[in-house]
C-alpha cells in the first residue's frame, strides 16, 4: 500500500536549500497540506546519479599568503579548519616557507597548488618546493604564471607579457610542463595553465592545452602546455558590472553566457585578439580550474549579499564542470590597497558573514563521524535518486551529492536579485529527511516525513536536503 502523501512548503530567506531525507521528527517550522490517502501521483521523476560530496568539498579553495604579508600561520590553520576549505593557491612568490605549507597540511588537511605566480620563471626552484610538498602529501598541482598581462617576465634573456610578444611566456609554460612530466616523483601531478592567456598579443597557442595541428601558432604544433585550463572568472567584472540574476552561474558558463573573463574568452576565442581556440564539446568538456574569483563588498554588494553569493559560487562552479575553485581571498590583504573587502576574514581575523555561512555549508556536507552504528566507508557504487523539478525557473539550479555513508544531499538554490522562485520537487518514492539552510546555521531548520513532494521558496542562496 502506498504511504500517505504529504506536501510541505518551506519558506526560506535565502537561495540554498539542503534536504536530508531520513526518518526524523519535525524540527522548527513545518507546514503540511494533506492529500487524500487514495490519491496517486503519476511519477515523472528520472533517476539521477549523484556526484561525490567529497569531490565537491575538495573543490573548495582560497588564495592565501599563509604566513607572510601580515598573515599568521596559527590563524591560517585555525580558520582553514573552521571554513572546511580543502586547498590553498600558493607558490614561491613572497617566499612563503614550504615548511609552513606542510604544517597547514598536517594540522588542517589542506593541500596546495604551487605556482610560479606573478613574474616568476625559476622552474627549478618551483619543482624543488613541489617535491617537498609531494613528499609530505601536501601537493595538489602545479600552476603557471599569474596574469602575464599585468606582470611581464624575462626568461632566458627574452622579455614577454603585457604589451610585448608572449612567446617568452609560452616558453615558460611549455618548459614547466616538460619539467614536471620528466620528473619521476612529480609527473603524476597535474599542471595547470597560466591565467589570463586570453590577453596574449600574438598567437602563441596558449589558448590550447596542446597546440593542435594546423593552429598557425608561433609555437610548434604539438606543444604541450597544461593538463587543465585556468581562469580568473570573477563574477563581478568591469566588463559586466552590477548585480544581476544568475551572476555566479553565468560566470561559470563555459560558453558565451559568461560575460566576464571566463573559459570562452581564454580558450574559445581569446578576449584580446580573438585567436581561435576550442569549439563545441571540446570547450565544454575542457578540464578546468579557477584560481581566482570573488567580489569586494561595495555599494549594492553588501556583506550579506557577498556571503550568499560565495555559497552560490562554489556550487555553480562545481556543477558546471570546474574541478577546483579558489576564492580571492581567505583574509583581506593588509599590505595592498584595494583588497580590504574581498576576504572571508578582515585583516584582524574578524570573520565576515561569508565565513559563517561557508562553515555551515561544509559542516552540513561533511562526512559524519564514525560511530558504532554507522558505516562511513565510501560506498562501492553510487546510488540513484528519482526526482524531478517541474517548470524549473532559469534562475534555479540543483546538484545531487552522495556522502560516503550512502546518504544523499540534494542542494537546490536560486540566483535572483529580487523576488523569489517557487519550485516543487517530486520524488518517485516517498522520502523522509531534514532540511538545512546554511545562512541560518548548521542544524536542520525543518524535516520532511514520508512525502513525495517538497515545495521550496528560494531567493538568493542554497537549501540542502539530506536523504
Protein backbone atom coordinates (compact mmCIF):
# COMPACT_ATOMS: atom_id res chain seq x y z
CA UNK A 1 0.00 0.00 0.00
CA UNK A 2 1.26 3.44 -0.88
CA UNK A 3 2.08 5.62 2.12
CA UNK A 4 0.02 8.70 2.75
CA UNK A 5 1.40 11.56 0.68
CA UNK A 6 2.08 14.94 2.22
CA UNK A 7 3.21 18.18 0.65
CA UNK A 8 5.47 20.58 2.50
CA UNK A 9 6.13 24.22 1.81
CA UNK A 10 9.38 25.50 3.27
CA UNK A 11 9.88 29.27 3.21
CA UNK A 12 13.48 30.38 3.41
CA UNK A 13 15.14 33.77 3.31
CA UNK A 14 17.97 32.55 1.13
CA UNK A 15 18.62 30.65 -2.01
CA UNK A 16 20.31 27.45 -0.87
CA UNK A 17 18.19 24.59 0.40
CA UNK A 18 19.55 21.33 1.77
CA UNK A 19 17.13 18.49 2.46
CA UNK A 20 18.22 15.44 4.46
CA UNK A 21 15.89 12.56 3.90
CA UNK A 22 15.76 10.19 6.85
CA UNK A 23 13.09 9.33 9.36
CA UNK A 24 13.12 12.27 11.71
CA UNK A 25 10.81 14.27 13.92
CA UNK A 26 9.81 17.72 12.70
CA UNK A 27 12.23 20.44 13.68
CA UNK A 28 11.42 24.14 13.78
CA UNK A 29 8.82 25.32 11.27
CA UNK A 30 6.91 22.61 9.44
CA UNK A 31 3.87 23.30 7.27
CA UNK A 32 1.94 20.48 5.65
CA UNK A 33 -1.09 20.05 3.44
CA UNK A 34 -2.66 16.62 3.42
CA UNK A 35 -3.54 14.83 0.21
CA UNK A 36 -6.27 12.15 0.18
CA UNK A 37 -4.75 8.80 1.06
CA UNK A 38 -6.03 7.07 -2.05
CA UNK A 39 -4.79 9.78 -4.41
CA UNK A 40 -1.88 8.61 -6.50
CA UNK A 41 0.80 10.68 -8.15
CA UNK A 42 1.99 9.68 -11.57
CA UNK A 43 5.77 9.59 -11.31
CA UNK A 44 7.59 11.80 -13.77
CA UNK A 45 10.91 11.63 -11.97
CA UNK A 46 14.07 10.28 -13.55
CA UNK A 47 16.96 8.55 -11.81
CA UNK A 48 19.78 10.99 -11.12
CA UNK A 49 23.30 9.73 -10.48
CA UNK A 50 24.94 11.78 -7.73
CA UNK A 51 28.42 13.17 -7.59
CA UNK A 52 30.56 12.53 -4.53
CA UNK A 53 30.15 15.00 -1.72
CA UNK A 54 33.87 14.70 -1.04
CA UNK A 55 34.64 15.81 -4.61
CA UNK A 56 32.62 18.97 -4.10
CA UNK A 57 34.25 19.66 -0.74
CA UNK A 58 37.69 19.01 -2.23
CA UNK A 59 36.98 21.64 -4.90
CA UNK A 60 36.71 24.43 -2.31
CA UNK A 61 39.86 26.54 -2.20
CA UNK A 62 41.14 30.03 -1.38
CA UNK A 63 44.04 32.36 -2.07
CA UNK A 64 46.25 33.00 0.96
CA UNK A 65 49.78 34.09 1.79
CA UNK A 66 49.56 31.65 4.75
CA UNK A 67 52.31 33.11 6.97
CA UNK A 68 53.59 36.17 5.08
CA UNK A 69 52.15 39.56 4.08
CA UNK A 70 50.86 40.04 7.61
CA UNK A 71 49.13 36.65 7.83
CA UNK A 72 49.61 34.32 10.77
CA UNK A 73 50.38 30.63 10.34
CA UNK A 74 48.46 29.79 13.51
CA UNK A 75 45.40 31.76 12.39
CA UNK A 76 45.56 30.34 8.86
CA UNK A 77 45.38 26.82 10.29
CA UNK A 78 42.56 27.79 12.63
CA UNK A 79 40.33 29.44 10.03
CA UNK A 80 41.07 26.83 7.36
CA UNK A 81 39.69 24.21 9.73
CA UNK A 82 36.67 26.33 10.55
CA UNK A 83 35.78 27.06 6.93
CA UNK A 84 36.33 23.49 5.79
CA UNK A 85 38.46 24.54 2.83
CA UNK A 86 40.47 21.78 1.19
CA UNK A 87 43.19 23.60 -0.79
CA UNK A 88 45.10 26.87 -0.98
CA UNK A 89 46.64 28.52 -4.00
CA UNK A 90 50.28 29.27 -3.27
CA UNK A 91 53.74 29.40 -4.85
CA UNK A 92 57.22 30.64 -4.21
CA UNK A 93 56.22 34.29 -4.72
CA UNK A 94 56.50 36.11 -1.39
CA UNK A 95 58.90 33.47 -0.02
CA UNK A 96 56.29 31.55 1.95
CA UNK A 97 58.31 28.82 3.73
CA UNK A 98 57.43 25.40 2.36
CA UNK A 99 57.65 24.13 5.93
CA UNK A 100 54.72 26.39 6.81
CA UNK A 101 52.64 24.97 3.97
CA UNK A 102 53.40 21.46 5.17
CA UNK A 103 52.36 22.43 8.71
CA UNK A 104 49.00 23.66 7.41
CA UNK A 105 48.53 20.32 5.65
CA UNK A 106 49.46 18.34 8.76
CA UNK A 107 47.07 20.22 11.03
CA UNK A 108 44.21 21.13 8.67
CA UNK A 109 44.47 18.62 5.82
CA UNK A 110 44.77 21.44 3.28
CA UNK A 111 46.72 20.77 0.08
CA UNK A 112 48.38 23.34 -2.16
CA UNK A 113 48.56 24.28 -5.78
CA UNK A 114 52.12 25.52 -6.20
CA UNK A 115 52.81 28.06 -8.89
CA UNK A 116 55.24 30.48 -10.47
CA UNK A 117 52.71 33.24 -9.78
CA UNK A 118 53.44 36.89 -10.68
CA UNK A 119 56.57 37.25 -12.82
CA UNK A 120 58.23 34.03 -11.65
CA UNK A 121 60.33 32.00 -14.09
CA UNK A 122 62.53 29.84 -11.84
CA UNK A 123 61.16 26.41 -12.71
CA UNK A 124 63.86 24.53 -10.80
CA UNK A 125 63.00 26.47 -7.64
CA UNK A 126 59.34 25.68 -8.11
CA UNK A 127 59.98 21.97 -8.55
CA UNK A 128 62.23 21.86 -5.51
CA UNK A 129 59.43 23.18 -3.33
CA UNK A 130 56.97 20.91 -5.09
CA UNK A 131 58.99 17.83 -4.22
CA UNK A 132 58.92 18.75 -0.54
CA UNK A 133 55.16 19.21 -0.67
CA UNK A 134 54.70 15.95 -2.58
CA UNK A 135 56.78 14.01 -0.06
CA UNK A 136 54.54 15.32 2.73
CA UNK A 137 51.35 14.55 0.77
CA UNK A 138 50.50 18.27 0.57
CA UNK A 139 50.82 18.90 -3.19
CA UNK A 140 47.71 19.26 -5.33
CA UNK A 141 49.03 20.63 -8.64
CA UNK A 142 51.49 22.97 -10.32
CA UNK A 143 50.39 26.28 -11.80
CA UNK A 144 51.94 28.52 -14.44
CA UNK A 145 52.34 32.28 -14.43
CA UNK A 146 49.83 34.61 -12.82
CA UNK A 147 48.30 37.15 -15.21
CA UNK A 148 51.23 37.98 -17.54
CA UNK A 149 49.07 40.81 -18.88
CA UNK A 150 49.74 42.55 -15.56
CA UNK A 151 53.20 41.19 -14.71
CA UNK A 152 55.69 40.78 -17.55
CA UNK A 153 58.67 38.44 -17.40
CA UNK A 154 62.21 37.90 -18.61
CA UNK A 155 63.02 34.28 -19.41
CA UNK A 156 66.44 33.22 -20.65
CA UNK A 157 67.06 36.82 -21.64
CA UNK A 158 63.80 37.14 -23.60
CA UNK A 159 61.13 39.58 -22.42
CA UNK A 160 57.44 38.86 -22.75
CA UNK A 161 53.94 39.55 -21.49
CA UNK A 162 51.91 42.72 -21.14
CA UNK A 163 52.05 44.59 -24.50
CA UNK A 164 55.07 42.64 -25.73
CA UNK A 165 55.20 39.32 -27.54
CA UNK A 166 54.02 36.38 -25.45
CA UNK A 167 56.47 33.86 -26.91
CA UNK A 168 58.63 34.00 -23.77
CA UNK A 169 55.51 33.42 -21.66
CA UNK A 170 54.64 30.41 -23.80
CA UNK A 171 58.14 29.00 -23.42
CA UNK A 172 57.91 29.22 -19.63
CA UNK A 173 54.64 27.26 -19.62
CA UNK A 174 56.00 24.70 -22.10
CA UNK A 175 59.17 24.18 -20.09
CA UNK A 176 57.25 23.89 -16.82
CA UNK A 177 55.08 21.16 -18.28
CA UNK A 178 58.06 19.25 -19.68
CA UNK A 179 59.99 19.52 -16.40
CA UNK A 180 57.11 18.20 -14.31
CA UNK A 181 56.35 15.30 -16.63
CA UNK A 182 60.01 14.28 -16.79
CA UNK A 183 60.33 14.15 -13.01
CA UNK A 184 59.75 10.62 -11.68
CA UNK A 185 58.24 11.94 -8.44
CA UNK A 186 56.18 14.82 -9.79
CA UNK A 187 54.88 13.52 -13.11
CA UNK A 188 51.65 12.24 -11.55
CA UNK A 189 50.62 15.74 -10.51
CA UNK A 190 48.61 17.86 -12.94
CA UNK A 191 49.94 21.06 -14.44
CA UNK A 192 47.50 23.97 -14.57
CA UNK A 193 47.94 26.55 -17.27
CA UNK A 194 48.79 30.18 -16.66
CA UNK A 195 45.97 32.65 -16.04
CA UNK A 196 44.78 35.34 -18.48
CA UNK A 197 46.12 33.63 -21.57
CA UNK A 198 43.29 35.38 -23.38
CA UNK A 199 45.40 38.54 -23.22
CA UNK A 200 48.19 37.22 -25.46
CA UNK A 201 49.20 39.79 -28.07
CA UNK A 202 50.43 37.26 -30.59
CA UNK A 203 49.11 33.78 -31.28
CA UNK A 204 51.40 31.57 -29.21
CA UNK A 205 48.79 28.81 -28.93
CA UNK A 206 48.28 29.35 -25.19
CA UNK A 207 44.52 29.05 -25.80
CA UNK A 208 45.15 25.30 -26.04
CA UNK A 209 46.37 22.71 -23.56
CA UNK A 210 48.18 21.15 -26.51
CA UNK A 211 48.54 23.03 -29.77
CA UNK A 212 46.65 21.11 -32.47
CA UNK A 213 47.88 20.53 -35.97
CA UNK A 214 47.36 23.49 -38.26
CA UNK A 215 46.70 26.03 -35.49
CA UNK A 216 49.05 28.55 -37.10
CA UNK A 217 50.59 29.49 -33.76
CA UNK A 218 54.03 30.96 -33.18
CA UNK A 219 54.91 27.86 -31.14
CA UNK A 220 55.12 24.45 -32.87
CA UNK A 221 52.11 22.17 -33.34
CA UNK A 222 52.01 19.56 -30.59
CA UNK A 223 53.46 21.85 -27.93
CA UNK A 224 52.03 20.76 -24.58
CA UNK A 225 51.26 23.42 -22.03
CA UNK A 226 48.99 22.00 -19.35
CA UNK A 227 46.55 19.34 -18.18
CA UNK A 228 43.95 21.88 -17.00
CA UNK A 229 42.74 25.22 -18.27
CA UNK A 230 42.97 28.00 -15.70
CA UNK A 231 40.76 31.09 -15.42
CA UNK A 232 40.13 34.11 -13.22
CA UNK A 233 36.40 34.36 -13.88
CA UNK A 234 35.48 36.94 -11.24
CA UNK A 235 31.70 37.05 -11.12
CA UNK A 236 31.79 40.83 -10.74
CA UNK A 237 33.86 42.38 -13.52
CA UNK A 238 34.25 45.79 -15.17
CA UNK A 239 33.05 44.23 -18.43
CA UNK A 240 29.74 43.28 -16.79
CA UNK A 241 29.25 45.37 -13.63
CA UNK A 242 26.42 45.41 -11.11
CA UNK A 243 24.17 42.73 -9.64
CA UNK A 244 22.00 40.55 -11.87
CA UNK A 245 20.22 37.21 -11.88
CA UNK A 246 22.35 34.07 -12.29
CA UNK A 247 25.51 36.04 -11.62
CA UNK A 248 27.79 33.22 -10.45
CA UNK A 249 26.01 30.65 -12.64
CA UNK A 250 26.74 32.67 -15.79
CA UNK A 251 30.31 33.40 -14.75
CA UNK A 252 30.86 29.62 -14.55
CA UNK A 253 29.37 29.04 -18.01
CA UNK A 254 31.94 27.59 -20.43
CA UNK A 255 30.41 29.40 -23.41
CA UNK A 256 29.01 32.74 -24.43
CA UNK A 257 26.67 33.11 -21.44
CA UNK A 258 29.75 34.08 -19.46
CA UNK A 259 30.06 37.86 -19.74
CA UNK A 260 33.17 38.06 -17.57
CA UNK A 261 36.69 36.74 -18.01
CA UNK A 262 35.82 33.06 -18.33
CA UNK A 263 36.58 29.91 -20.25
CA UNK A 264 35.37 31.09 -23.64
CA UNK A 265 37.36 34.32 -23.57
CA UNK A 266 40.57 32.48 -22.76
CA UNK A 267 40.19 29.12 -24.52
CA UNK A 268 37.40 29.60 -27.08
CA UNK A 269 38.21 32.94 -28.67
CA UNK A 270 40.83 34.96 -26.81
CA UNK A 271 39.35 38.15 -25.41
CA UNK A 272 42.09 40.46 -26.59
CA UNK A 273 42.99 39.43 -30.13
CA UNK A 274 40.26 36.83 -30.85
CA UNK A 275 42.65 33.97 -31.58
CA UNK A 276 40.61 30.84 -32.22
CA UNK A 277 40.72 28.05 -29.65
CA UNK A 278 38.39 25.18 -28.74
CA UNK A 279 34.85 24.85 -30.07
CA UNK A 280 31.68 22.96 -29.13
CA UNK A 281 32.08 19.88 -26.95
CA UNK A 282 35.86 20.27 -26.86
CA UNK A 283 35.41 23.56 -24.99
CA UNK A 284 32.51 22.32 -22.86
CA UNK A 285 34.49 19.26 -21.73
CA UNK A 286 37.83 21.00 -21.20
CA UNK A 287 39.35 20.13 -17.80
CA UNK A 288 39.40 23.41 -15.92
CA UNK A 289 40.10 25.19 -12.66
CA UNK A 290 39.59 28.68 -11.31
CA UNK A 291 42.49 30.06 -9.29
CA UNK A 292 40.91 33.46 -8.58
CA UNK A 293 37.34 34.67 -8.31
CA UNK A 294 35.22 36.66 -5.89
CA UNK A 295 33.98 40.18 -5.30
CA UNK A 296 34.64 43.04 -2.93
CA UNK A 297 31.98 44.49 -0.64
CA UNK A 298 30.92 47.75 -2.20
CA UNK A 299 27.66 49.56 -2.84
CA UNK A 300 24.85 47.11 -3.62
CA UNK A 301 27.12 44.17 -2.80
CA UNK A 302 26.68 44.16 0.95
CA UNK A 303 28.40 41.79 3.35
CA UNK A 304 25.20 39.72 3.50
CA UNK A 305 24.88 39.56 -0.28
CA UNK A 306 28.55 38.68 -0.69
CA UNK A 307 28.21 35.81 1.78
CA UNK A 308 25.27 34.31 -0.07
CA UNK A 309 26.93 34.70 -3.45
CA UNK A 310 30.06 32.91 -2.22
CA UNK A 311 27.92 29.85 -1.44
CA UNK A 312 26.35 30.04 -4.91
CA UNK A 313 29.77 30.50 -6.46
CA UNK A 314 31.29 27.24 -5.23
CA UNK A 315 28.13 25.32 -6.15
CA UNK A 316 27.83 26.84 -9.63
CA UNK A 317 31.48 26.24 -10.40
CA UNK A 318 31.35 22.58 -9.39
CA UNK A 319 28.01 21.96 -11.10
CA UNK A 320 29.31 23.49 -14.34
CA UNK A 321 32.47 21.42 -14.58
CA UNK A 322 35.19 23.32 -12.70
CA UNK A 323 37.26 20.80 -10.75
CA UNK A 324 38.74 23.31 -8.31
CA UNK A 325 37.81 26.87 -7.36
CA UNK A 326 39.90 29.28 -5.26
CA UNK A 327 38.22 32.36 -3.85
CA UNK A 328 40.18 35.56 -3.52
CA UNK A 329 40.83 35.94 -0.54
CA UNK A 330 40.99 33.95 2.70
CA UNK A 331 41.88 37.11 4.67
CA UNK A 332 41.96 40.67 3.39
CA UNK A 333 45.38 42.00 2.43
CA UNK A 334 46.92 44.31 5.00
CA UNK A 335 49.79 45.35 2.69
CA UNK A 336 47.92 46.07 -0.53
CA UNK A 337 45.49 48.90 -1.25
CA UNK A 338 42.10 48.00 -2.71
CA UNK A 339 41.95 44.46 -1.33
CA UNK A 340 40.36 45.13 2.06
CA UNK A 341 36.89 43.72 1.41
CA UNK A 342 37.39 40.52 -0.59
CA UNK A 343 38.07 38.03 2.15
CA UNK A 344 36.24 35.63 4.39
CA UNK A 345 38.07 37.45 7.18
CA UNK A 346 39.05 41.04 7.88
CA UNK A 347 42.75 41.87 8.44
CA UNK A 348 42.29 41.42 12.21
CA UNK A 349 40.77 37.95 11.53
CA UNK A 350 37.26 39.02 12.41
CA UNK A 351 35.00 36.65 10.42
CA UNK A 352 32.58 38.08 7.90
CA UNK A 353 29.19 36.51 7.32
CA UNK A 354 30.71 34.63 4.39
CA UNK A 355 32.92 32.72 6.84
CA UNK A 356 29.95 31.75 8.99
CA UNK A 357 27.86 30.60 6.04
CA UNK A 358 30.75 28.64 4.50
CA UNK A 359 31.37 26.90 7.81
CA UNK A 360 27.72 25.91 7.92
CA UNK A 361 27.72 24.59 4.34
CA UNK A 362 30.83 22.45 4.72
CA UNK A 363 29.65 21.19 8.12
CA UNK A 364 26.32 20.08 6.67
CA UNK A 365 28.00 18.25 3.79
CA UNK A 366 30.87 16.75 5.77
CA UNK A 367 31.08 13.02 6.31
CA UNK A 368 29.59 12.03 9.68
CA UNK A 369 31.97 10.91 12.39
CA UNK A 370 32.35 7.17 12.67
CA UNK A 371 30.14 5.54 15.29
CA UNK A 372 29.38 2.05 16.37
CA UNK A 373 26.14 2.06 14.40
CA UNK A 374 27.05 3.94 11.25
CA UNK A 375 29.39 2.90 8.47
CA UNK A 376 31.16 5.89 6.97
CA UNK A 377 33.20 3.91 4.47
CA UNK A 378 32.97 5.03 0.87
CA UNK A 379 30.05 3.44 -0.95
CA UNK A 380 31.27 1.00 -3.59
CA UNK A 381 28.70 2.11 -6.13
CA UNK A 382 26.86 5.41 -6.28
CA UNK A 383 23.14 5.14 -5.76
CA UNK A 384 20.50 6.99 -7.73
CA UNK A 385 17.68 9.22 -6.61
CA UNK A 386 14.50 9.55 -8.66
CA UNK A 387 13.31 13.14 -8.51
CA UNK A 388 12.18 15.89 -10.84
CA UNK A 389 11.53 19.63 -10.69
CA UNK A 390 8.62 20.74 -12.87
CA UNK A 391 8.78 24.10 -14.62
CA UNK A 392 12.28 24.76 -13.39
CA UNK A 393 12.96 28.52 -13.44
CA UNK A 394 16.12 29.55 -15.27
CA UNK A 395 17.38 31.09 -12.03
CA UNK A 396 17.03 27.88 -10.00
CA UNK A 397 19.69 25.18 -10.01
CA UNK A 398 20.18 21.83 -8.29
CA UNK A 399 23.03 19.46 -7.52
CA UNK A 400 22.79 15.92 -6.13
CA UNK A 401 25.66 14.72 -3.96
CA UNK A 402 26.20 11.47 -2.08
CA UNK A 403 28.21 11.00 1.08
CA UNK A 404 30.44 8.05 1.74
CA UNK A 405 27.81 6.51 4.03
CA UNK A 406 25.30 6.46 1.16
CA UNK A 407 23.18 9.44 2.22
CA UNK A 408 22.13 11.90 -0.47
CA UNK A 409 22.40 15.67 -0.24
CA UNK A 410 20.10 17.39 -2.71
CA UNK A 411 21.11 21.03 -2.99
CA UNK A 412 18.70 23.49 -4.59
CA UNK A 413 19.46 27.15 -4.98
CA UNK A 414 18.35 30.24 -6.86
CA UNK A 415 20.17 33.35 -8.02
CA UNK A 416 17.74 36.22 -8.06
CA UNK A 417 18.49 39.84 -7.27
CA UNK A 418 14.81 40.50 -6.48
CA UNK A 419 11.71 38.39 -5.92
CA UNK A 420 11.70 34.62 -5.40
CA UNK A 421 11.40 31.32 -7.23
CA UNK A 422 8.94 28.69 -6.07
CA UNK A 423 9.85 25.15 -7.09
CA UNK A 424 8.22 21.80 -6.47
CA UNK A 425 10.48 18.76 -6.15
CA UNK A 426 8.70 15.47 -6.82
CA UNK A 427 10.14 12.13 -5.71
CA UNK A 428 9.15 8.80 -7.22
CA UNK A 429 9.15 7.21 -3.78
CA UNK A 430 8.13 8.85 -0.52
CA UNK A 431 11.10 10.20 1.41
CA UNK A 432 11.86 11.43 4.89
CA UNK A 433 14.64 13.70 5.95
CA UNK A 434 15.91 17.06 7.15
CA UNK A 435 16.17 20.46 5.55
CA UNK A 436 19.08 22.81 6.13
CA UNK A 437 19.67 26.49 5.41
CA UNK A 438 23.37 27.40 5.77
CA UNK A 439 22.52 31.07 6.24
CA UNK A 440 20.71 30.11 9.47
CA UNK A 441 23.12 27.54 10.87
CA UNK A 442 24.45 24.00 10.55
CA UNK A 443 21.42 22.37 12.23
CA UNK A 444 18.21 21.36 10.44
CA UNK A 445 15.55 24.04 10.09
CA UNK A 446 12.77 21.59 9.21
CA UNK A 447 12.02 17.97 8.48
CA UNK A 448 10.23 16.02 5.77
CA UNK A 449 8.32 12.87 6.67
CA UNK A 450 7.06 10.24 4.26
CA UNK A 451 6.49 12.74 1.44
CA UNK A 452 6.53 12.51 -2.35
CA UNK A 453 6.88 16.24 -2.90
CA UNK A 454 8.51 19.31 -1.39
CA UNK A 455 7.86 22.91 -2.39
CA UNK A 456 10.64 25.44 -1.79
CA UNK A 457 10.52 29.20 -2.00
CA UNK A 458 14.01 30.34 -2.95
CA UNK A 459 15.63 33.71 -3.39
CA UNK A 460 19.40 34.07 -3.37
CA UNK A 461 21.12 31.15 -1.60
CA UNK A 462 21.04 27.33 -1.36
CA UNK A 463 19.00 24.87 0.67
CA UNK A 464 20.10 21.28 1.35
CA UNK A 465 18.04 18.12 1.65
CA UNK A 466 19.88 15.11 3.10
CA UNK A 467 18.25 11.81 2.12
